[in-house]
Amino acid sequence: MNLQKMVLLVDADNTQLSKLEAVIEEVSLHGRIIVKRAYGNWKKDTLKNWEPELKRLAIKAEQQFDYVTGKNATDIALVIDAMHLLYRGIYDAFVIVASDSDYTPLALDLHESGVYVIGVGELKTPESFRNSCDDFIYLENLNNETDETDKEPEEEKGDEEGTHEPSEKKSGPAPRVEDAAKSGIQKPAQKNGEEKLRQPGKNAMKKVHALLRLAWDKYQDAEGYVNIGAAGSYIKRARPDFDVRSYGFHKLPQLIEAFPDRYIFKTSKKGHVFYRCI
């Protein structure tokens, strides 16, 4: 599925702030998010930490005061906006980030209108809301960084100098040479001294590896490979500021080749490049 115009609506009162970036990365696997809004009464102390993250992730903050103590008006504001956006007739998917059964009628109405509905919430989310969506994603299954990043510190030697070279130490099983020859897999080439990795920010390479693994998990074919072009498109959707040149490479395949302990790759007869995580 490749949805082109997705709407992401977040109920801040029913969502974990620590999972917000992971939600965007997961939803971006389905397509392009063009509307991102979060709803809440930002004057509340419980939401005071949201502002920096909303700014960083370019999510529009929608203010909704509590008109009556003990009543939550946020869900009504979200529903009203969702219907306004639906009637524009230009969106093909709506993502509702909440764990509240009150959103079940909204999901049902959106679904009946022909748009794809994705729900994102905690395990406690009532079954009625989960079943009213075309797809439901549990927040507990999402992490800001995958376990794959645990291997990263060994590869980030030279952070103090702003450079990095791939470690020679193999942290996973190396691909068999005879199997590589049969399948057309090319042996990754080591980077030379002129192509040292420039770190654009702390843990930046960890995030790239995490996104490459997410793309591999989602898009791999029957042989366990994913087209690098599809992976690159996904990373740009999840992280619009991603530029492989920031890491000292001209093309994404060069970056992948630089980490033979993480990836193996092959080129098809038509010149398409594929990779597989180790």
C-alpha atoms as a PDB file:
ATOM      1  CA  MET A   1       0.000   0.000   0.000  1.00  0.00           C
ATOM      2  CA  ASN A   2       1.259   3.452  -0.924  1.00  0.00           C
ATOM      3  CA  LEU A   3      -1.066   6.119   0.415  1.00  0.00           C
ATOM      4  CA  GLN A   4      -0.286   9.574  -0.933  1.00  0.00           C
ATOM      5  CA  LYS A   5      -2.290  11.983   1.226  1.00  0.00           C
ATOM      6  CA  MET A   6      -2.522  10.949   4.848  1.00  0.00           C
ATOM      7  CA  VAL A   7      -3.908  12.877   7.820  1.00  0.00           C
ATOM      8  CA  LEU A   8      -2.377  12.308  11.265  1.00  0.00           C
ATOM      9  CA  LEU A   9      -4.532  13.439  14.215  1.00  0.00           C
ATOM     10  CA  VAL A  10      -3.147  13.030  17.736  1.00  0.00           C
ATOM     11  CA  ASP A  11      -5.135  13.232  20.977  1.00  0.00           C
ATOM     12  CA  ALA A  12      -2.394  14.422  23.353  1.00  0.00           C
ATOM     13  CA  ASP A  13      -4.473  13.427  26.371  1.00  0.00           C
ATOM     14  CA  ASN A  14      -4.483   9.802  25.175  1.00  0.00           C
ATOM     15  CA  THR A  15      -0.989   9.402  23.735  1.00  0.00           C
ATOM     16  CA  GLN A  16       2.510   8.771  25.050  1.00  0.00           C
ATOM     17  CA  LEU A  17       4.777  11.673  24.132  1.00  0.00           C
ATOM     18  CA  SER A  18       7.812   9.372  24.105  1.00  0.00           C
ATOM     19  CA  LYS A  19       6.239   7.349  21.268  1.00  0.00           C
ATOM     20  CA  LEU A  20       5.312  10.273  19.037  1.00  0.00           C
ATOM     21  CA  GLU A  21       8.329  10.119  16.722  1.00  0.00           C
ATOM     22  CA  ALA A  22       8.028   6.336  16.478  1.00  0.00           C
ATOM     23  CA  VAL A  23       4.386   6.744  15.445  1.00  0.00           C
ATOM     24  CA  ILE A  24       5.360   9.040  12.576  1.00  0.00           C
ATOM     25  CA  GLU A  25       8.062   6.624  11.437  1.00  0.00           C
ATOM     26  CA  GLU A  26       5.664   3.662  11.554  1.00  0.00           C
ATOM     27  CA  VAL A  27       2.829   5.460   9.768  1.00  0.00           C
ATOM     28  CA  SER A  28       5.227   6.734   7.110  1.00  0.00           C
ATOM     29  CA  LEU A  29       5.711   3.117   6.062  1.00  0.00           C
ATOM     30  CA  HIS A  30       2.197   3.307   4.608  1.00  0.00           C
ATOM     31  CA  GLY A  31       2.701   6.535   2.664  1.00  0.00           C
ATOM     32  CA  ARG A  32       3.048  10.300   2.819  1.00  0.00           C
ATOM     33  CA  ILE A  33       1.687  12.292   5.760  1.00  0.00           C
ATOM     34  CA  ILE A  34       0.646  15.781   4.646  1.00  0.00           C
ATOM     35  CA  VAL A  35      -1.439  16.888   7.662  1.00  0.00           C
ATOM     36  CA  LYS A  36      -0.062  16.519  11.193  1.00  0.00           C
ATOM     37  CA  ARG A  37      -2.060  17.923  14.101  1.00  0.00           C
ATOM     38  CA  ALA A  38      -2.074  17.355  17.861  1.00  0.00           C
ATOM     39  CA  TYR A  39      -4.961  18.372  20.112  1.00  0.00           C
ATOM     40  CA  GLY A  40      -4.916  19.303  23.783  1.00  0.00           C
ATOM     41  CA  ASN A  41      -5.131  22.004  26.392  1.00  0.00           C
ATOM     42  CA  TRP A  42      -1.498  23.038  26.302  1.00  0.00           C
ATOM     43  CA  LYS A  43      -1.909  25.081  29.479  1.00  0.00           C
ATOM     44  CA  LYS A  44      -2.144  21.865  31.488  1.00  0.00           C
ATOM     45  CA  ASP A  45       0.950  20.847  33.435  1.00  0.00           C
ATOM     46  CA  THR A  46       0.575  17.301  32.094  1.00  0.00           C
ATOM     47  CA  LEU A  47       1.217  18.566  28.559  1.00  0.00           C
ATOM     48  CA  LYS A  48       3.972  21.076  29.322  1.00  0.00           C
ATOM     49  CA  ASN A  49       6.664  18.872  27.742  1.00  0.00           C
ATOM     50  CA  TRP A  50       4.900  18.560  24.395  1.00  0.00           C
ATOM     51  CA  GLU A  51       5.882  21.902  22.876  1.00  0.00           C
ATOM     52  CA  PRO A  52       9.536  21.122  22.006  1.00  0.00           C
ATOM     53  CA  GLU A  53       8.613  17.777  20.469  1.00  0.00           C
ATOM     54  CA  LEU A  54       5.740  19.187  18.433  1.00  0.00           C
ATOM     55  CA  LYS A  55       8.035  21.867  17.062  1.00  0.00           C
ATOM     56  CA  ARG A  56      10.784  19.375  16.255  1.00  0.00           C
ATOM     57  CA  LEU A  57       8.430  16.986  14.455  1.00  0.00           C
ATOM     58  CA  ALA A  58       6.572  19.821  12.655  1.00  0.00           C
ATOM     59  CA  ILE A  59       3.200  18.910  14.148  1.00  0.00           C
ATOM     60  CA  LYS A  60       0.618  21.690  14.348  1.00  0.00           C
ATOM     61  CA  ALA A  61      -0.615  22.213  17.904  1.00  0.00           C
ATOM     62  CA  GLU A  62      -4.371  22.773  18.186  1.00  0.00           C
ATOM     63  CA  GLN A  63      -5.389  24.451  21.452  1.00  0.00           C
ATOM     64  CA  GLN A  64      -8.612  23.261  23.097  1.00  0.00           C
ATOM     65  CA  PHE A  65      -9.617  24.645  26.481  1.00  0.00           C
ATOM     66  CA  ASP A  66     -11.601  22.576  28.974  1.00  0.00           C
ATOM     67  CA  TYR A  67     -14.895  24.467  29.144  1.00  0.00           C
ATOM     68  CA  VAL A  68     -16.124  22.415  32.097  1.00  0.00           C
ATOM     69  CA  THR A  69     -13.961  20.923  34.825  1.00  0.00           C
ATOM     70  CA  GLY A  70     -13.738  17.160  34.541  1.00  0.00           C
ATOM     71  CA  LYS A  71     -14.844  17.127  30.903  1.00  0.00           C
ATOM     72  CA  ASN A  72     -12.474  16.658  27.989  1.00  0.00           C
ATOM     73  CA  ALA A  73     -13.243  18.777  24.920  1.00  0.00           C
ATOM     74  CA  THR A  74     -10.155  17.608  23.037  1.00  0.00           C
ATOM     75  CA  ASP A  75     -11.827  14.623  21.422  1.00  0.00           C
ATOM     76  CA  ILE A  76     -14.705  16.774  20.121  1.00  0.00           C
ATOM     77  CA  ALA A  77     -12.262  19.251  18.570  1.00  0.00           C
ATOM     78  CA  LEU A  78     -10.374  16.401  16.890  1.00  0.00           C
ATOM     79  CA  VAL A  79     -13.571  14.885  15.515  1.00  0.00           C
ATOM     80  CA  ILE A  80     -14.786  18.221  14.114  1.00  0.00           C
ATOM     81  CA  ASP A  81     -11.472  18.809  12.344  1.00  0.00           C
ATOM     82  CA  ALA A  82     -11.458  15.257  11.007  1.00  0.00           C
ATOM     83  CA  MET A  83     -14.868  15.776   9.384  1.00  0.00           C
ATOM     84  CA  HIS A  84     -13.817  19.129   7.903  1.00  0.00           C
ATOM     85  CA  LEU A  85     -10.741  17.489   6.388  1.00  0.00           C
ATOM     86  CA  LEU A  86     -12.790  14.539   5.116  1.00  0.00           C
ATOM     87  CA  TYR A  87     -15.205  16.806   3.260  1.00  0.00           C
ATOM     88  CA  ARG A  88     -12.331  18.334   1.324  1.00  0.00           C
ATOM     89  CA  GLY A  89     -12.257  15.023  -0.516  1.00  0.00           C
ATOM     90  CA  ILE A  90      -8.511  15.025  -1.126  1.00  0.00           C
ATOM     91  CA  TYR A  91      -7.197  12.646   1.551  1.00  0.00           C
ATOM     92  CA  ASP A  92      -6.965   8.885   1.163  1.00  0.00           C
ATOM     93  CA  ALA A  93      -6.168   7.915   4.777  1.00  0.00           C
ATOM     94  CA  PHE A  94      -6.745   9.139   8.318  1.00  0.00           C
ATOM     95  CA  VAL A  95      -4.584   8.142  11.280  1.00  0.00           C
ATOM     96  CA  ILE A  96      -6.174   8.558  14.721  1.00  0.00           C
ATOM     97  CA  VAL A  97      -3.681   8.389  17.577  1.00  0.00           C
ATOM     98  CA  ALA A  98      -5.676   7.719  20.750  1.00  0.00           C
ATOM     99  CA  SER A  99      -6.714   4.890  23.058  1.00  0.00           C
ATOM    100  CA  ASP A 100     -10.273   6.087  23.647  1.00  0.00           C
ATOM    101  CA  SER A 101     -13.391   4.211  22.526  1.00  0.00           C
ATOM    102  CA  ASP A 102     -15.089   7.585  21.946  1.00  0.00           C
ATOM    103  CA  TYR A 103     -13.333   7.679  18.566  1.00  0.00           C
ATOM    104  CA  THR A 104     -15.150   4.554  17.351  1.00  0.00           C
ATOM    105  CA  PRO A 105     -17.994   6.493  15.632  1.00  0.00           C
ATOM    106  CA  LEU A 106     -15.438   8.728  13.914  1.00  0.00           C
ATOM    107  CA  ALA A 107     -13.473   5.744  12.631  1.00  0.00           C
ATOM    108  CA  LEU A 108     -16.655   4.072  11.392  1.00  0.00           C
ATOM    109  CA  ASP A 109     -17.809   7.200   9.578  1.00  0.00           C
ATOM    110  CA  LEU A 110     -14.409   7.726   7.960  1.00  0.00           C
ATOM    111  CA  HIS A 111     -14.343   4.087   6.901  1.00  0.00           C
ATOM    112  CA  GLU A 112     -17.821   4.318   5.367  1.00  0.00           C
ATOM    113  CA  SER A 113     -16.620   7.361   3.410  1.00  0.00           C
ATOM    114  CA  GLY A 114     -14.092   5.171   1.622  1.00  0.00           C
ATOM    115  CA  VAL A 115     -10.853   6.402   3.198  1.00  0.00           C
ATOM    116  CA  TYR A 116      -8.323   4.106   4.830  1.00  0.00           C
ATOM    117  CA  VAL A 117      -8.380   4.340   8.629  1.00  0.00           C
ATOM    118  CA  ILE A 118      -5.392   3.574  10.842  1.00  0.00           C
ATOM    119  CA  GLY A 119      -5.696   3.609  14.621  1.00  0.00           C
ATOM    120  CA  VAL A 120      -2.728   3.932  16.957  1.00  0.00           C
ATOM    121  CA  GLY A 121      -3.140   3.308  20.673  1.00  0.00           C
ATOM    122  CA  GLU A 122      -2.175   1.354  23.750  1.00  0.00           C
ATOM    123  CA  LEU A 123      -3.036  -2.278  24.490  1.00  0.00           C
ATOM    124  CA  LYS A 124      -5.878  -1.041  26.693  1.00  0.00           C
ATOM    125  CA  THR A 125      -7.668   0.443  23.654  1.00  0.00           C
ATOM    126  CA  PRO A 126     -11.231  -0.950  23.548  1.00  0.00           C
ATOM    127  CA  GLU A 127     -11.922  -3.582  20.921  1.00  0.00           C
ATOM    128  CA  SER A 128     -14.680  -1.476  19.374  1.00  0.00           C
ATOM    129  CA  PHE A 129     -12.224   1.225  18.300  1.00  0.00           C
ATOM    130  CA  ARG A 130      -9.620  -1.287  17.145  1.00  0.00           C
ATOM    131  CA  ASN A 131     -12.146  -3.129  14.974  1.00  0.00           C
ATOM    132  CA  SER A 132     -13.507   0.070  13.446  1.00  0.00           C
ATOM    133  CA  CYS A 133     -10.109   0.723  11.790  1.00  0.00           C
ATOM    134  CA  ASP A 134      -8.624  -0.868   8.683  1.00  0.00           C
ATOM    135  CA  ASP A 135      -5.364  -1.227  10.561  1.00  0.00           C
ATOM    136  CA  PHE A 136      -4.497  -0.763  14.234  1.00  0.00           C
ATOM    137  CA  ILE A 137      -0.992  -0.252  15.615  1.00  0.00           C
ATOM    138  CA  TYR A 138      -0.129  -0.792  19.277  1.00  0.00           C
ATOM    139  CA  LEU A 139       2.097   1.836  20.858  1.00  0.00           C
ATOM    140  CA  GLU A 140       3.767  -0.865  22.939  1.00  0.00           C
ATOM    141  CA  ASN A 141       5.134  -2.359  19.730  1.00  0.00           C
ATOM    142  CA  LEU A 142       6.842   0.883  18.750  1.00  0.00           C
ATOM    143  CA  ASN A 143      10.234   2.059  19.901  1.00  0.00           C
ATOM    144  CA  ASN A 144      12.088   5.279  19.182  1.00  0.00           C
ATOM    145  CA  GLU A 145      15.186   3.209  18.453  1.00  0.00           C
ATOM    146  CA  THR A 146      15.246  -0.474  17.568  1.00  0.00           C
ATOM    147  CA  ASP A 147      17.410  -3.057  19.291  1.00  0.00           C
ATOM    148  CA  GLU A 148      19.662  -2.785  16.263  1.00  0.00           C
ATOM    149  CA  THR A 149      21.084   0.444  17.653  1.00  0.00           C
ATOM    150  CA  ASP A 150      22.619  -1.392  20.587  1.00  0.00           C
ATOM    151  CA  LYS A 151      25.537  -2.260  18.316  1.00  0.00           C
ATOM    152  CA  GLU A 152      26.190   1.338  17.396  1.00  0.00           C
ATOM    153  CA  PRO A 153      28.679   2.598  20.043  1.00  0.00           C
ATOM    154  CA  GLU A 154      31.399   0.371  18.656  1.00  0.00           C
ATOM    155  CA  GLU A 155      30.920   1.945  15.221  1.00  0.00           C
ATOM    156  CA  GLU A 156      30.937   5.534  16.406  1.00  0.00           C
ATOM    157  CA  LYS A 157      34.570   5.767  17.336  1.00  0.00           C
ATOM    158  CA  GLY A 158      35.858   9.174  16.413  1.00  0.00           C
ATOM    159  CA  ASP A 159      32.722  11.099  17.407  1.00  0.00           C
ATOM    160  CA  GLU A 160      34.898  13.647  19.157  1.00  0.00           C
ATOM    161  CA  GLU A 161      36.601  14.406  15.852  1.00  0.00           C
ATOM    162  CA  GLY A 162      33.307  14.396  13.958  1.00  0.00           C
ATOM    163  CA  THR A 163      34.318  11.426  11.808  1.00  0.00           C
ATOM    164  CA  HIS A 164      33.555   7.769  11.779  1.00  0.00           C
ATOM    165  CA  GLU A 165      34.708   4.709   9.932  1.00  0.00           C
ATOM    166  CA  PRO A 166      32.894   1.386   9.936  1.00  0.00           C
ATOM    167  CA  SER A 167      34.248  -1.143  12.421  1.00  0.00           C
ATOM    168  CA  GLU A 168      36.005  -4.172  11.044  1.00  0.00           C
ATOM    169  CA  LYS A 169      34.587  -6.315  13.832  1.00  0.00           C
ATOM    170  CA  LYS A 170      31.709  -8.494  12.702  1.00  0.00           C
ATOM    171  CA  SER A 171      28.758  -8.454  15.098  1.00  0.00           C
ATOM    172  CA  GLY A 172      26.669 -10.891  13.083  1.00  0.00           C
ATOM    173  CA  PRO A 173      27.181 -13.941  10.838  1.00  0.00           C
ATOM    174  CA  ALA A 174      29.025 -13.099   7.627  1.00  0.00           C
ATOM    175  CA  PRO A 175      27.381 -14.069   4.329  1.00  0.00           C
ATOM    176  CA  ARG A 176      28.773 -17.216   2.713  1.00  0.00           C
ATOM    177  CA  VAL A 177      30.898 -16.447  -0.337  1.00  0.00           C
ATOM    178  CA  GLU A 178      29.538 -19.340  -2.363  1.00  0.00           C
ATOM    179  CA  ASP A 179      25.941 -18.312  -1.667  1.00  0.00           C
ATOM    180  CA  ALA A 180      26.728 -14.738  -2.637  1.00  0.00           C
ATOM    181  CA  ALA A 181      28.157 -15.835  -5.954  1.00  0.00           C
ATOM    182  CA  LYS A 182      25.080 -17.897  -6.779  1.00  0.00           C
ATOM    183  CA  SER A 183      22.569 -15.181  -5.914  1.00  0.00           C
ATOM    184  CA  GLY A 184      24.390 -12.319  -7.607  1.00  0.00           C
ATOM    185  CA  ILE A 185      25.215 -10.638  -4.293  1.00  0.00           C
ATOM    186  CA  GLN A 186      28.144  -8.288  -4.508  1.00  0.00           C
ATOM    187  CA  LYS A 187      30.695  -8.143  -1.739  1.00  0.00           C
ATOM    188  CA  PRO A 188      30.404  -4.732  -0.039  1.00  0.00           C
ATOM    189  CA  ALA A 189      33.429  -2.531  -0.560  1.00  0.00           C
ATOM    190  CA  GLN A 190      35.178  -0.829   2.335  1.00  0.00           C
ATOM    191  CA  LYS A 191      35.222   2.950   2.384  1.00  0.00           C
ATOM    192  CA  ASN A 192      38.497   4.676   1.676  1.00  0.00           C
ATOM    193  CA  GLY A 193      40.014   7.450   3.752  1.00  0.00           C
ATOM    194  CA  GLU A 194      38.417  10.186   1.672  1.00  0.00           C
ATOM    195  CA  GLU A 195      34.905   8.910   2.395  1.00  0.00           C
ATOM    196  CA  LYS A 196      34.946   9.083   6.167  1.00  0.00           C
ATOM    197  CA  LEU A 197      31.554   9.482   7.731  1.00  0.00           C
ATOM    198  CA  ARG A 198      30.622  12.936   8.982  1.00  0.00           C
ATOM    199  CA  GLN A 199      28.259  12.852  11.961  1.00  0.00           C
ATOM    200  CA  PRO A 200      25.523  15.497  11.512  1.00  0.00           C
ATOM    201  CA  GLY A 201      24.337  14.960  15.074  1.00  0.00           C
ATOM    202  CA  LYS A 202      24.480  12.709  18.090  1.00  0.00           C
ATOM    203  CA  ASN A 203      23.106   9.217  17.429  1.00  0.00           C
ATOM    204  CA  ALA A 204      22.314  10.211  13.835  1.00  0.00           C
ATOM    205  CA  MET A 205      23.718   6.995  12.383  1.00  0.00           C
ATOM    206  CA  LYS A 206      21.777   4.938  14.915  1.00  0.00           C
ATOM    207  CA  LYS A 207      18.553   6.383  13.569  1.00  0.00           C
ATOM    208  CA  VAL A 208      19.523   5.670   9.950  1.00  0.00           C
ATOM    209  CA  HIS A 209      20.222   2.024  10.796  1.00  0.00           C
ATOM    210  CA  ALA A 210      16.926   1.807  12.679  1.00  0.00           C
ATOM    211  CA  LEU A 211      14.975   3.189   9.715  1.00  0.00           C
ATOM    212  CA  LEU A 212      16.764   0.920   7.247  1.00  0.00           C
ATOM    213  CA  ARG A 213      15.757  -2.049   9.371  1.00  0.00           C
ATOM    214  CA  LEU A 214      12.148  -0.846   9.595  1.00  0.00           C
ATOM    215  CA  ALA A 215      12.056  -0.526   5.802  1.00  0.00           C
ATOM    216  CA  TRP A 216      13.546  -4.003   5.448  1.00  0.00           C
ATOM    217  CA  ASP A 217      10.962  -5.482   7.839  1.00  0.00           C
ATOM    218  CA  LYS A 218       8.129  -3.862   5.874  1.00  0.00           C
ATOM    219  CA  TYR A 219       9.152  -4.061   2.216  1.00  0.00           C
ATOM    220  CA  GLN A 220      11.307  -7.186   1.864  1.00  0.00           C
ATOM    221  CA  ASP A 221      10.463  -9.604  -0.916  1.00  0.00           C
ATOM    222  CA  ALA A 222      10.169 -13.399  -0.792  1.00  0.00           C
ATOM    223  CA  GLU A 223      13.964 -13.722  -0.791  1.00  0.00           C
ATOM    224  CA  GLY A 224      14.372 -11.319   2.115  1.00  0.00           C
ATOM    225  CA  TYR A 225      15.654  -8.323   0.112  1.00  0.00           C
ATOM    226  CA  VAL A 226      14.278  -4.794  -0.198  1.00  0.00           C
ATOM    227  CA  ASN A 227      14.744  -2.310  -3.025  1.00  0.00           C
ATOM    228  CA  ILE A 228      17.030   0.481  -1.856  1.00  0.00           C
ATOM    229  CA  GLY A 229      14.897   3.007  -3.734  1.00  0.00           C
ATOM    230  CA  ALA A 230      11.818   2.041  -1.702  1.00  0.00           C
ATOM    231  CA  ALA A 231      13.828   2.214   1.513  1.00  0.00           C
ATOM    232  CA  GLY A 232      15.188   5.635   0.615  1.00  0.00           C
ATOM    233  CA  SER A 233      11.702   6.975  -0.144  1.00  0.00           C
ATOM    234  CA  TYR A 234      10.465   5.723   3.220  1.00  0.00           C
ATOM    235  CA  ILE A 235      13.353   7.347   5.120  1.00  0.00           C
ATOM    236  CA  LYS A 236      12.618  10.671   3.438  1.00  0.00           C
ATOM    237  CA  ARG A 237       8.971  10.408   4.485  1.00  0.00           C
ATOM    238  CA  ALA A 238       9.890   9.574   8.064  1.00  0.00           C
ATOM    239  CA  ARG A 239      12.838  11.999   8.265  1.00  0.00           C
ATOM    240  CA  PRO A 240      12.461  14.796   5.690  1.00  0.00           C
ATOM    241  CA  ASP A 241      15.867  16.227   6.630  1.00  0.00           C
ATOM    242  CA  PHE A 242      17.685  13.018   5.690  1.00  0.00           C
ATOM    243  CA  ASP A 243      20.442  13.583   3.132  1.00  0.00           C
ATOM    244  CA  VAL A 244      22.957  10.826   2.537  1.00  0.00           C
ATOM    245  CA  ARG A 245      25.579  13.466   1.761  1.00  0.00           C
ATOM    246  CA  SER A 246      25.476  14.506   5.404  1.00  0.00           C
ATOM    247  CA  TYR A 247      27.068  11.142   6.173  1.00  0.00           C
ATOM    248  CA  GLY A 248      29.853  11.479   3.628  1.00  0.00           C
ATOM    249  CA  PHE A 249      28.268   9.522   0.759  1.00  0.00           C
ATOM    250  CA  HIS A 250      26.870  10.408  -2.651  1.00  0.00           C
ATOM    251  CA  LYS A 251      24.258   7.626  -2.821  1.00  0.00           C
ATOM    252  CA  LEU A 252      22.380   5.481  -0.308  1.00  0.00           C
ATOM    253  CA  PRO A 253      23.868   2.218  -1.678  1.00  0.00           C
ATOM    254  CA  GLN A 254      27.344   3.532  -0.781  1.00  0.00           C
ATOM    255  CA  LEU A 255      26.260   4.035   2.815  1.00  0.00           C
ATOM    256  CA  ILE A 256      24.873   0.513   2.989  1.00  0.00           C
ATOM    257  CA  GLU A 257      28.054  -0.937   1.459  1.00  0.00           C
ATOM    258  CA  ALA A 258      30.066   0.732   4.214  1.00  0.00           C
ATOM    259  CA  PHE A 259      28.494  -1.520   6.855  1.00  0.00           C
ATOM    260  CA  PRO A 260      29.097  -5.119   5.733  1.00  0.00           C
ATOM    261  CA  ASP A 261      28.462  -6.338   9.273  1.00  0.00           C
ATOM    262  CA  ARG A 262      24.882  -5.060   9.020  1.00  0.00           C
ATOM    263  CA  TYR A 263      23.866  -5.500   5.371  1.00  0.00           C
ATOM    264  CA  ILE A 264      24.467  -7.553   2.273  1.00  0.00           C
ATOM    265  CA  PHE A 265      23.320  -6.336  -1.099  1.00  0.00           C
ATOM    266  CA  LYS A 266      22.832  -7.436  -4.672  1.00  0.00           C
ATOM    267  CA  THR A 267      22.197  -5.804  -8.054  1.00  0.00           C
ATOM    268  CA  SER A 268      19.586  -7.112 -10.488  1.00  0.00           C
ATOM    269  CA  LYS A 269      20.148  -7.512 -14.232  1.00  0.00           C
ATOM    270  CA  LYS A 270      18.270  -4.241 -14.719  1.00  0.00           C
ATOM    271  CA  GLY A 271      20.616  -2.430 -12.369  1.00  0.00           C
ATOM    272  CA  HIS A 272      18.269  -2.198  -9.391  1.00  0.00           C
ATOM    273  CA  VAL A 273      20.015  -2.466  -6.031  1.00  0.00           C
ATOM    274  CA  PHE A 274      18.630  -4.496  -3.121  1.00  0.00           C
ATOM    275  CA  TYR A 275      19.828  -5.048   0.431  1.00  0.00           C
ATOM    276  CA  ARG A 276      19.160  -7.453   3.270  1.00  0.00           C
ATOM    277  CA  CYS A 277      19.786  -6.925   6.970  1.00  0.00           C
ATOM    278  CA  ILE A 278      22.066  -9.404   8.710  1.00  0.00           C
END
